[in-house]
């Protein structure tokens, strides 16, 4: 995965997506609409986002699913969850339009740009002076018998977890043609470097710098203390088959913590690096390590 590079694409249509129900963003959205119009740019507002600000028929609108085909870049106001949802839609649509994430409170590892930096960051994105991070994404396929039950793309992680009332599950894991281990655990996470600071970190996995071309396999609350996280090459194909009582137990798989599904007996989940990276505008005012210090309070505890 390459590091940051400057954006060279012309931007005429700016997609705008806010976290659902984020009423405190209304004033910013109205200001944003006027700012875009004053520069001769078209703002394409997601339907709920336009309604939040009472913009109604005054702006172009579309659904979140339609957004990847309607904009040259997408501005996300909210938190990491909102950005993940939009990033996954961009990947599923097979486009590579860049995202600019602005944090509206909360932790926000990916939406690292603050509200006070919104307009300078947007200006830099539009005039081509902003830098773009190429973030590795994950391609997950759930195979059921001879058919594909799910085909998803995720930026952070693919996580298998046991149902609420189910016991510890057995997970048979292979990388390529090589058997890795049979994990007894509450679940298993396959994370990208970007996702290493999300569920993976909470489960005791390592932090991996976003430009490192790797994947992380992390068991969730493993029954055996020697079952530890492992970092593997991004060229690897991870194959996970849960073994459980088909009649009594429940095993779920989630993609970026969203759009999850329940697995059935003999389902196999395969995870590999996606063909396209997600293009993410980065904050010019701070480095990745500064973000880690600010978010994790390193050296302060």
Protein backbone atom coordinates (compact mmCIF):
# COMPACT_ATOMS: atom_id res chain seq x y z
CA UNK A 1 0.00 0.00 0.00
CA UNK A 2 1.47 3.35 -1.00
CA UNK A 3 1.64 6.32 1.31
CA UNK A 4 0.02 9.70 0.90
CA UNK A 5 -0.15 11.38 -2.50
CA UNK A 6 -1.66 14.59 -3.78
CA UNK A 7 -5.08 14.60 -5.37
CA UNK A 8 -5.02 15.51 -9.06
CA UNK A 9 -8.64 14.91 -10.04
CA UNK A 10 -10.91 17.91 -10.72
CA UNK A 11 -13.74 18.28 -8.23
CA UNK A 12 -16.98 19.92 -9.32
CA UNK A 13 -19.59 17.96 -7.34
CA UNK A 14 -19.14 17.53 -3.59
CA UNK A 15 -21.24 14.86 -1.91
CA UNK A 16 -22.29 15.66 1.66
CA UNK A 17 -23.34 12.97 4.15
CA UNK A 18 -24.01 13.59 7.85
CA UNK A 19 -24.56 11.07 10.61
CA UNK A 20 -28.24 10.16 10.83
CA UNK A 21 -30.06 12.42 13.29
CA UNK A 22 -27.06 14.73 13.83
CA UNK A 23 -29.16 17.85 14.44
CA UNK A 24 -26.24 19.89 15.74
CA UNK A 25 -24.77 19.75 12.23
CA UNK A 26 -27.70 21.71 10.74
CA UNK A 27 -26.03 25.12 10.92
CA UNK A 28 -22.78 23.78 9.47
CA UNK A 29 -24.69 22.18 6.58
CA UNK A 30 -26.43 25.45 5.70
CA UNK A 31 -23.08 27.25 5.81
CA UNK A 32 -21.52 24.50 3.72
CA UNK A 33 -24.20 24.77 1.04
CA UNK A 34 -23.58 28.52 0.71
CA UNK A 35 -19.79 28.00 0.71
CA UNK A 36 -19.98 25.51 -2.17
CA UNK A 37 -22.36 27.70 -4.18
CA UNK A 38 -20.10 30.74 -3.76
CA UNK A 39 -17.25 28.78 -5.37
CA UNK A 40 -19.33 27.54 -8.30
CA UNK A 41 -19.43 23.98 -6.98
CA UNK A 42 -22.44 21.69 -6.80
CA UNK A 43 -23.28 20.25 -3.42
CA UNK A 44 -25.01 16.86 -3.61
CA UNK A 45 -26.64 16.26 -0.23
CA UNK A 46 -27.76 12.87 1.01
CA UNK A 47 -31.54 12.91 1.48
CA UNK A 48 -31.62 12.79 5.30
CA UNK A 49 -28.71 15.21 5.50
CA UNK A 50 -30.56 17.80 3.40
CA UNK A 51 -33.65 17.37 5.58
CA UNK A 52 -31.58 17.89 8.76
CA UNK A 53 -30.64 21.38 7.55
CA UNK A 54 -34.03 22.18 6.03
CA UNK A 55 -32.41 22.61 2.63
CA UNK A 56 -35.21 20.74 0.86
CA UNK A 57 -35.42 21.59 -2.84
CA UNK A 58 -32.60 24.17 -2.61
CA UNK A 59 -29.88 21.56 -3.21
CA UNK A 60 -29.33 18.44 -5.30
CA UNK A 61 -30.07 15.30 -3.28
CA UNK A 62 -29.66 11.53 -3.55
CA UNK A 63 -29.58 8.42 -1.36
CA UNK A 64 -26.42 7.10 0.28
CA UNK A 65 -26.35 4.21 -2.17
CA UNK A 66 -26.55 6.61 -5.13
CA UNK A 67 -23.86 8.96 -3.79
CA UNK A 68 -20.78 7.15 -5.26
CA UNK A 69 -22.14 7.77 -8.76
CA UNK A 70 -23.21 11.36 -8.18
CA UNK A 71 -20.14 13.07 -6.66
CA UNK A 72 -16.44 13.64 -7.33
CA UNK A 73 -15.67 13.45 -3.61
CA UNK A 74 -17.70 12.89 -0.45
CA UNK A 75 -17.58 14.97 2.72
CA UNK A 76 -18.70 13.02 5.80
CA UNK A 77 -19.82 14.82 8.95
CA UNK A 78 -20.08 12.56 11.98
CA UNK A 79 -17.89 9.75 13.24
CA UNK A 80 -16.05 6.68 12.03
CA UNK A 81 -19.26 4.65 11.64
CA UNK A 82 -20.70 7.13 9.15
CA UNK A 83 -17.46 7.20 7.18
CA UNK A 84 -17.19 3.41 7.17
CA UNK A 85 -20.70 3.07 5.79
CA UNK A 86 -19.91 5.51 2.99
CA UNK A 87 -16.51 3.97 2.27
CA UNK A 88 -18.07 0.52 1.95
CA UNK A 89 -20.67 1.88 -0.49
CA UNK A 90 -17.95 3.49 -2.62
CA UNK A 91 -16.05 0.22 -2.75
CA UNK A 92 -19.15 -1.84 -3.57
CA UNK A 93 -19.94 0.58 -6.40
CA UNK A 94 -16.48 -0.03 -7.87
CA UNK A 95 -15.52 3.65 -7.81
CA UNK A 96 -12.55 5.36 -6.20
CA UNK A 97 -13.86 8.80 -5.27
CA UNK A 98 -12.07 10.19 -2.19
CA UNK A 99 -13.58 10.79 1.25
CA UNK A 100 -13.05 13.68 3.64
CA UNK A 101 -14.12 12.82 7.20
CA UNK A 102 -14.92 15.55 9.73
CA UNK A 103 -15.43 14.50 13.33
CA UNK A 104 -18.46 15.66 15.30
CA UNK A 105 -17.41 14.42 18.74
CA UNK A 106 -16.46 10.91 19.89
CA UNK A 107 -13.18 9.07 19.31
CA UNK A 108 -12.89 9.29 15.52
CA UNK A 109 -9.66 7.61 14.42
CA UNK A 110 -10.57 7.87 10.72
CA UNK A 111 -12.62 11.08 10.89
CA UNK A 112 -9.59 12.89 12.26
CA UNK A 113 -10.31 16.36 10.84
CA UNK A 114 -11.92 18.65 13.40
CA UNK A 115 -14.91 20.89 12.78
CA UNK A 116 -12.73 24.02 12.93
CA UNK A 117 -10.59 22.55 10.12
CA UNK A 118 -13.56 21.73 7.85
CA UNK A 119 -13.38 24.60 5.36
CA UNK A 120 -9.55 24.80 5.08
CA UNK A 121 -9.46 21.01 4.58
CA UNK A 122 -12.24 21.16 1.98
CA UNK A 123 -10.48 24.03 0.20
CA UNK A 124 -7.27 21.98 0.02
CA UNK A 125 -9.16 18.94 -1.28
CA UNK A 126 -10.80 20.99 -4.04
CA UNK A 127 -7.69 22.89 -5.17
CA UNK A 128 -5.59 19.70 -5.27
CA UNK A 129 -3.14 20.58 -2.51
CA UNK A 130 -4.51 18.05 0.00
CA UNK A 131 -2.85 14.68 0.42
CA UNK A 132 -4.67 11.38 -0.06
CA UNK A 133 -4.03 8.25 1.94
CA UNK A 134 -4.53 4.97 0.12
CA UNK A 135 -6.19 2.71 2.71
CA UNK A 136 -6.24 -1.04 2.24
CA UNK A 137 -9.75 -2.53 2.23
CA UNK A 138 -10.96 -6.08 2.82
CA UNK A 139 -13.01 -8.26 0.49
CA UNK A 140 -15.10 -10.86 2.32
CA UNK A 141 -17.08 -13.71 0.81
CA UNK A 142 -19.39 -16.10 2.67
CA UNK A 143 -19.72 -19.41 0.81
CA UNK A 144 -22.69 -21.62 1.54
CA UNK A 145 -22.62 -24.96 -0.25
CA UNK A 146 -21.84 -24.18 -3.86
CA UNK A 147 -23.20 -20.62 -3.73
CA UNK A 148 -22.09 -17.23 -2.44
CA UNK A 149 -24.30 -16.09 0.46
CA UNK A 150 -22.59 -12.69 0.89
CA UNK A 151 -19.99 -10.64 -0.96
CA UNK A 152 -18.91 -7.51 0.94
CA UNK A 153 -16.13 -4.95 1.17
CA UNK A 154 -14.99 -3.48 4.49
CA UNK A 155 -12.43 -0.86 5.47
CA UNK A 156 -11.84 -1.86 9.12
CA UNK A 157 -12.59 -5.50 9.76
CA UNK A 158 -14.53 -8.68 9.27
CA UNK A 159 -15.53 -10.20 12.62
CA UNK A 160 -17.04 -13.56 13.49
CA UNK A 161 -18.70 -13.67 16.91
CA UNK A 162 -20.77 -16.16 18.89
CA UNK A 163 -24.43 -15.52 19.54
CA UNK A 164 -25.54 -13.98 22.84
CA UNK A 165 -26.44 -17.30 24.48
CA UNK A 166 -23.99 -19.51 22.59
CA UNK A 167 -20.86 -21.04 24.17
CA UNK A 168 -17.27 -20.58 23.01
CA UNK A 169 -16.98 -21.51 19.34
CA UNK A 170 -14.34 -23.44 17.42
CA UNK A 171 -12.89 -21.63 14.42
CA UNK A 172 -10.72 -23.45 11.91
CA UNK A 173 -8.41 -20.91 10.24
CA UNK A 174 -6.21 -21.31 7.17
CA UNK A 175 -4.05 -18.84 5.28
CA UNK A 176 -3.83 -19.80 1.64
CA UNK A 177 -3.28 -23.56 1.52
CA UNK A 178 -1.72 -23.63 5.01
CA UNK A 179 -3.66 -24.50 8.14
CA UNK A 180 -3.01 -21.94 10.90
CA UNK A 181 -4.88 -23.13 13.99
CA UNK A 182 -8.20 -24.15 15.49
CA UNK A 183 -9.17 -21.27 17.76
CA UNK A 184 -11.50 -21.73 20.74
CA UNK A 185 -12.78 -18.24 21.41
CA UNK A 186 -15.72 -15.86 21.51
CA UNK A 187 -14.87 -15.00 17.94
CA UNK A 188 -12.20 -13.87 15.49
CA UNK A 189 -11.32 -10.59 13.78
CA UNK A 190 -9.56 -10.10 10.47
CA UNK A 191 -8.53 -6.45 10.37
CA UNK A 192 -6.87 -4.11 7.91
CA UNK A 193 -4.13 -1.74 9.12
CA UNK A 194 -6.74 1.03 9.30
CA UNK A 195 -8.99 -1.26 11.34
CA UNK A 196 -6.18 -2.20 13.71
CA UNK A 197 -7.22 0.70 15.98
CA UNK A 198 -10.87 -0.38 16.05
CA UNK A 199 -12.35 -3.70 17.27
CA UNK A 200 -8.92 -5.32 16.85
CA UNK A 201 -7.36 -2.96 19.39
CA UNK A 202 -10.19 -3.52 21.88
CA UNK A 203 -9.63 -7.29 21.56
CA UNK A 204 -5.91 -6.94 22.36
CA UNK A 205 -4.57 -6.86 18.82
CA UNK A 206 -1.59 -4.76 17.65
CA UNK A 207 -1.67 -1.29 16.10
CA UNK A 208 -0.46 -1.41 12.50
CA UNK A 209 0.51 1.73 10.59
CA UNK A 210 -1.96 2.34 7.70
CA UNK A 211 0.70 2.13 4.96
CA UNK A 212 1.91 -1.33 6.06
CA UNK A 213 0.68 -3.91 3.55
CA UNK A 214 -0.65 -6.48 5.99
CA UNK A 215 -3.70 -8.08 7.57
CA UNK A 216 -4.20 -8.90 11.25
CA UNK A 217 -5.87 -12.02 12.64
CA UNK A 218 -6.99 -11.55 16.26
CA UNK A 219 -8.97 -14.06 18.36
CA UNK A 220 -11.62 -12.56 20.66
CA UNK A 221 -11.24 -13.74 24.28
CA UNK A 222 -9.45 -16.98 23.30
CA UNK A 223 -9.84 -19.96 25.63
CA UNK A 224 -6.15 -20.82 25.16
CA UNK A 225 -3.62 -18.21 26.31
CA UNK A 226 -1.21 -19.14 23.52
CA UNK A 227 -3.73 -18.06 20.88
CA UNK A 228 -2.31 -14.65 20.10
CA UNK A 229 -2.87 -12.16 17.25
CA UNK A 230 -0.77 -12.62 14.13
CA UNK A 231 0.16 -10.20 11.34
CA UNK A 232 0.24 -11.71 7.85
CA UNK A 233 1.01 -10.39 4.34
CA UNK A 234 -1.81 -8.53 2.61
CA UNK A 235 -1.50 -10.97 -0.30
CA UNK A 236 -2.88 -13.72 1.97
CA UNK A 237 -6.30 -15.29 1.62
CA UNK A 238 -7.77 -16.05 5.05
CA UNK A 239 -10.28 -18.89 5.28
CA UNK A 240 -12.41 -19.30 8.41
CA UNK A 241 -14.82 -22.14 9.09
CA UNK A 242 -16.75 -22.06 12.38
CA UNK A 243 -17.62 -25.41 13.94
CA UNK A 244 -20.75 -25.29 16.11
CA UNK A 245 -23.98 -27.04 17.05
CA UNK A 246 -26.22 -26.19 14.13
CA UNK A 247 -29.41 -26.62 16.15
CA UNK A 248 -28.50 -24.79 19.36
CA UNK A 249 -25.69 -22.30 18.72
CA UNK A 250 -25.49 -19.05 16.77
CA UNK A 251 -22.48 -17.58 14.97
CA UNK A 252 -22.59 -14.17 13.29
CA UNK A 253 -20.32 -12.34 10.87
CA UNK A 254 -20.19 -8.55 10.59
CA UNK A 255 -18.47 -6.32 8.06
CA UNK A 256 -17.19 -3.09 9.64
CA UNK A 257 -19.65 -3.76 12.46
CA UNK A 258 -22.51 -3.26 10.00
CA UNK A 259 -24.61 -5.36 7.63
CA UNK A 260 -24.01 -8.52 9.62
CA UNK A 261 -25.56 -11.92 8.99
CA UNK A 262 -26.04 -15.21 10.80
CA UNK A 263 -23.98 -18.13 9.57
CA UNK A 264 -25.28 -21.67 9.13
CA UNK A 265 -23.45 -24.99 9.43
CA UNK A 266 -20.60 -25.52 6.98
CA UNK A 267 -20.46 -21.84 5.93
CA UNK A 268 -16.95 -20.68 5.08
CA UNK A 269 -15.85 -17.05 5.37
CA UNK A 270 -12.96 -15.96 3.14
CA UNK A 271 -11.20 -12.62 3.63
CA UNK A 272 -8.57 -11.10 1.35
CA UNK A 273 -7.31 -7.66 0.40
CA UNK A 274 -9.71 -5.82 -1.89
CA UNK A 275 -8.51 -4.79 -5.33
CA UNK A 276 -9.09 -1.07 -4.78
CA UNK A 277 -7.93 0.98 -1.79
CA UNK A 278 -10.12 3.64 -0.23
CA UNK A 279 -8.86 7.15 -0.90
CA UNK A 280 -9.00 9.24 2.25
CA UNK A 281 -8.07 12.90 2.52
CA UNK A 282 -5.73 13.30 5.47
CA UNK A 283 -5.35 16.17 7.90
CA UNK A 284 -2.32 18.27 7.01
CA UNK A 285 -2.00 19.66 10.53
CA UNK A 286 -1.10 16.38 12.28
CA UNK A 287 0.71 13.11 11.64
CA UNK A 288 -0.65 9.61 12.20
CA UNK A 289 1.33 9.36 15.43
CA UNK A 290 -0.13 12.66 16.62
CA UNK A 291 -3.61 11.23 16.03
CA UNK A 292 -2.69 8.15 18.08
CA UNK A 293 -1.41 10.32 20.93
CA UNK A 294 -4.53 12.49 20.86
CA UNK A 295 -6.99 9.60 20.66
CA UNK A 296 -5.25 7.09 22.93
CA UNK A 297 -3.71 9.66 25.28
CA UNK A 298 -0.29 8.03 24.96
CA UNK A 299 2.20 9.07 27.66
CA UNK A 300 -0.63 10.65 29.66
CA UNK A 301 -1.69 7.49 31.51
